[in-house]
Amino acid sequence: MKLIEITFLLIIFCVNSSFSKNASFQECIKLLEAGKFQKMLELSKELPDNEQHHILSLYYMYKGNYEKSLNEIEKTDLKDNRLNLFLYVKELIKLTEKFEEFET
């Protein structure tokens, strides 16, 4: 499970540096990392559409709802790179779960 958490934080770090540096987006990332989801969702409404969909995608990924996360990624202009990263992480999670089942 630690691998999944590390991968998720890596995604947040990479995404954080590739998007705008406005205060609202940065604050949403911090709230997401802190687990303050209600505040993050409220603040994300102030963001431009692309950034709002991206924050929602990260939120759904964190919650384990990969289908909704994928849907949010597909609504953005920059979907190709994030979509590839999402699919990679999704497969990594599946492999990790299979490995954990094998160990038990």
C-alpha atoms as a PDB file:
ATOM      1  CA  MET A   1       0.000   0.000   0.000  1.00  0.00           C
ATOM      2  CA  LYS A   2       2.920   2.361   0.596  1.00  0.00           C
ATOM      3  CA  LEU A   3       3.837   2.178  -3.105  1.00  0.00           C
ATOM      4  CA  ILE A   4       0.380   3.432  -4.035  1.00  0.00           C
ATOM      5  CA  GLU A   5       0.610   6.335  -1.593  1.00  0.00           C
ATOM      6  CA  ILE A   6       4.080   7.295  -2.829  1.00  0.00           C
ATOM      7  CA  THR A   7       2.902   7.133  -6.440  1.00  0.00           C
ATOM      8  CA  PHE A   8      -0.098   9.322  -5.643  1.00  0.00           C
ATOM      9  CA  LEU A   9       2.110  11.936  -3.990  1.00  0.00           C
ATOM     10  CA  LEU A  10       4.466  11.806  -6.985  1.00  0.00           C
ATOM     11  CA  ILE A  11       1.541  12.503  -9.301  1.00  0.00           C
ATOM     12  CA  ILE A  12       0.509  15.479  -7.180  1.00  0.00           C
ATOM     13  CA  PHE A  13       4.078  16.792  -7.210  1.00  0.00           C
ATOM     14  CA  CYS A  14       4.434  16.444 -10.995  1.00  0.00           C
ATOM     15  CA  VAL A  15       1.036  17.954 -11.687  1.00  0.00           C
ATOM     16  CA  ASN A  16       1.602  20.756  -9.232  1.00  0.00           C
ATOM     17  CA  SER A  17       4.647  21.928 -11.157  1.00  0.00           C
ATOM     18  CA  SER A  18       2.994  21.636 -14.581  1.00  0.00           C
ATOM     19  CA  PHE A  19      -0.085  23.745 -13.896  1.00  0.00           C
ATOM     20  CA  SER A  20      -0.569  27.399 -13.179  1.00  0.00           C
ATOM     21  CA  LYS A  21       0.927  28.889 -10.092  1.00  0.00           C
ATOM     22  CA  ASN A  22      -2.200  30.716  -8.972  1.00  0.00           C
ATOM     23  CA  ALA A  23      -2.886  30.650  -5.270  1.00  0.00           C
ATOM     24  CA  SER A  24      -6.200  28.810  -5.547  1.00  0.00           C
ATOM     25  CA  PHE A  25      -4.678  25.853  -7.402  1.00  0.00           C
ATOM     26  CA  GLN A  26      -1.755  25.643  -4.986  1.00  0.00           C
ATOM     27  CA  GLU A  27      -4.125  25.807  -2.028  1.00  0.00           C
ATOM     28  CA  CYS A  28      -6.292  23.032  -3.515  1.00  0.00           C
ATOM     29  CA  ILE A  29      -3.232  20.781  -3.790  1.00  0.00           C
ATOM     30  CA  LYS A  30      -2.309  21.494  -0.162  1.00  0.00           C
ATOM     31  CA  LEU A  31      -5.871  20.803   1.003  1.00  0.00           C
ATOM     32  CA  LEU A  32      -5.937  17.564  -0.992  1.00  0.00           C
ATOM     33  CA  GLU A  33      -2.663  16.416   0.555  1.00  0.00           C
ATOM     34  CA  ALA A  34      -4.019  17.301   4.020  1.00  0.00           C
ATOM     35  CA  GLY A  35      -7.252  15.388   3.434  1.00  0.00           C
ATOM     36  CA  LYS A  36      -9.445  18.497   3.742  1.00  0.00           C
ATOM     37  CA  PHE A  37     -11.664  17.538   0.843  1.00  0.00           C
ATOM     38  CA  GLN A  38     -14.713  19.731   1.476  1.00  0.00           C
ATOM     39  CA  LYS A  39     -12.607  22.902   1.595  1.00  0.00           C
ATOM     40  CA  MET A  40     -10.690  21.737  -1.473  1.00  0.00           C
ATOM     41  CA  LEU A  41     -13.891  21.130  -3.453  1.00  0.00           C
ATOM     42  CA  GLU A  42     -15.256  24.555  -2.502  1.00  0.00           C
ATOM     43  CA  LEU A  43     -12.036  26.328  -3.452  1.00  0.00           C
ATOM     44  CA  SER A  44     -11.722  24.402  -6.726  1.00  0.00           C
ATOM     45  CA  LYS A  45     -14.913  26.084  -7.977  1.00  0.00           C
ATOM     46  CA  GLU A  46     -12.877  29.300  -8.349  1.00  0.00           C
ATOM     47  CA  LEU A  47     -10.409  27.658 -10.743  1.00  0.00           C
ATOM     48  CA  PRO A  48     -10.491  27.712 -14.552  1.00  0.00           C
ATOM     49  CA  ASP A  49     -12.189  24.644 -16.072  1.00  0.00           C
ATOM     50  CA  ASN A  50      -8.959  22.771 -16.915  1.00  0.00           C
ATOM     51  CA  GLU A  51      -7.574  23.135 -13.413  1.00  0.00           C
ATOM     52  CA  GLN A  52     -10.907  22.372 -11.781  1.00  0.00           C
ATOM     53  CA  HIS A  53     -11.219  19.108 -13.728  1.00  0.00           C
ATOM     54  CA  HIS A  54      -7.668  18.241 -12.837  1.00  0.00           C
ATOM     55  CA  ILE A  55      -8.223  18.782  -9.106  1.00  0.00           C
ATOM     56  CA  LEU A  56     -11.391  16.684  -9.292  1.00  0.00           C
ATOM     57  CA  SER A  57      -9.454  13.966 -11.112  1.00  0.00           C
ATOM     58  CA  LEU A  58      -6.870  13.839  -8.331  1.00  0.00           C
ATOM     59  CA  TYR A  59      -9.635  13.836  -5.717  1.00  0.00           C
ATOM     60  CA  TYR A  60     -11.425  10.885  -7.328  1.00  0.00           C
ATOM     61  CA  MET A  61      -8.141   9.031  -7.777  1.00  0.00           C
ATOM     62  CA  TYR A  62      -7.356   9.554  -4.102  1.00  0.00           C
ATOM     63  CA  LYS A  63     -10.811   8.248  -3.156  1.00  0.00           C
ATOM     64  CA  GLY A  64     -10.247   5.180  -5.346  1.00  0.00           C
ATOM     65  CA  ASN A  65     -12.935   6.043  -7.900  1.00  0.00           C
ATOM     66  CA  TYR A  66     -10.769   5.593 -10.975  1.00  0.00           C
ATOM     67  CA  GLU A  67     -13.654   5.751 -13.440  1.00  0.00           C
ATOM     68  CA  LYS A  68     -14.681   9.247 -12.296  1.00  0.00           C
ATOM     69  CA  SER A  69     -11.027  10.270 -12.195  1.00  0.00           C
ATOM     70  CA  LEU A  70     -10.583   9.148 -15.786  1.00  0.00           C
ATOM     71  CA  ASN A  71     -13.743  11.029 -16.826  1.00  0.00           C
ATOM     72  CA  GLU A  72     -12.373  14.246 -15.311  1.00  0.00           C
ATOM     73  CA  ILE A  73      -9.024  13.790 -17.075  1.00  0.00           C
ATOM     74  CA  GLU A  74     -10.814  13.396 -20.402  1.00  0.00           C
ATOM     75  CA  LYS A  75     -12.475  16.808 -19.933  1.00  0.00           C
ATOM     76  CA  THR A  76      -9.139  18.646 -19.944  1.00  0.00           C
ATOM     77  CA  ASP A  77      -7.021  19.956 -22.820  1.00  0.00           C
ATOM     78  CA  LEU A  78      -3.906  18.229 -21.520  1.00  0.00           C
ATOM     79  CA  LYS A  79      -5.462  14.796 -21.241  1.00  0.00           C
ATOM     80  CA  ASP A  80      -2.893  12.801 -23.202  1.00  0.00           C
ATOM     81  CA  ASN A  81       0.008  12.980 -20.731  1.00  0.00           C
ATOM     82  CA  ARG A  82      -2.168  12.677 -17.654  1.00  0.00           C
ATOM     83  CA  LEU A  83      -4.206   9.906 -19.215  1.00  0.00           C
ATOM     84  CA  ASN A  84      -1.034   7.892 -19.822  1.00  0.00           C
ATOM     85  CA  LEU A  85       0.110   8.535 -16.262  1.00  0.00           C
ATOM     86  CA  PHE A  86      -3.306   7.582 -14.911  1.00  0.00           C
ATOM     87  CA  LEU A  87      -3.358   4.305 -16.834  1.00  0.00           C
ATOM     88  CA  TYR A  88       0.160   3.520 -15.638  1.00  0.00           C
ATOM     89  CA  VAL A  89      -0.810   4.123 -12.008  1.00  0.00           C
ATOM     90  CA  LYS A  90      -4.012   2.127 -12.407  1.00  0.00           C
ATOM     91  CA  GLU A  91      -2.041  -0.882 -13.660  1.00  0.00           C
ATOM     92  CA  LEU A  92       0.554  -0.372 -10.934  1.00  0.00           C
ATOM     93  CA  ILE A  93      -2.206  -0.509  -8.322  1.00  0.00           C
ATOM     94  CA  LYS A  94      -3.572  -3.731  -9.829  1.00  0.00           C
ATOM     95  CA  LEU A  95      -0.111  -5.309  -9.783  1.00  0.00           C
ATOM     96  CA  THR A  96       0.440  -4.209  -6.192  1.00  0.00           C
ATOM     97  CA  GLU A  97      -2.891  -5.705  -5.124  1.00  0.00           C
ATOM     98  CA  LYS A  98      -2.073  -8.997  -6.871  1.00  0.00           C
ATOM     99  CA  PHE A  99       1.330  -9.064  -5.207  1.00  0.00           C
ATOM    100  CA  GLU A 100      -0.244  -8.441  -1.787  1.00  0.00           C
ATOM    101  CA  GLU A 101      -2.741 -11.276  -2.411  1.00  0.00           C
ATOM    102  CA  PHE A 102       0.109 -13.586  -3.403  1.00  0.00           C
ATOM    103  CA  GLU A 103       2.012 -12.824  -0.189  1.00  0.00           C
ATOM    104  CA  THR A 104      -0.954 -13.699   2.047  1.00  0.00           C
END
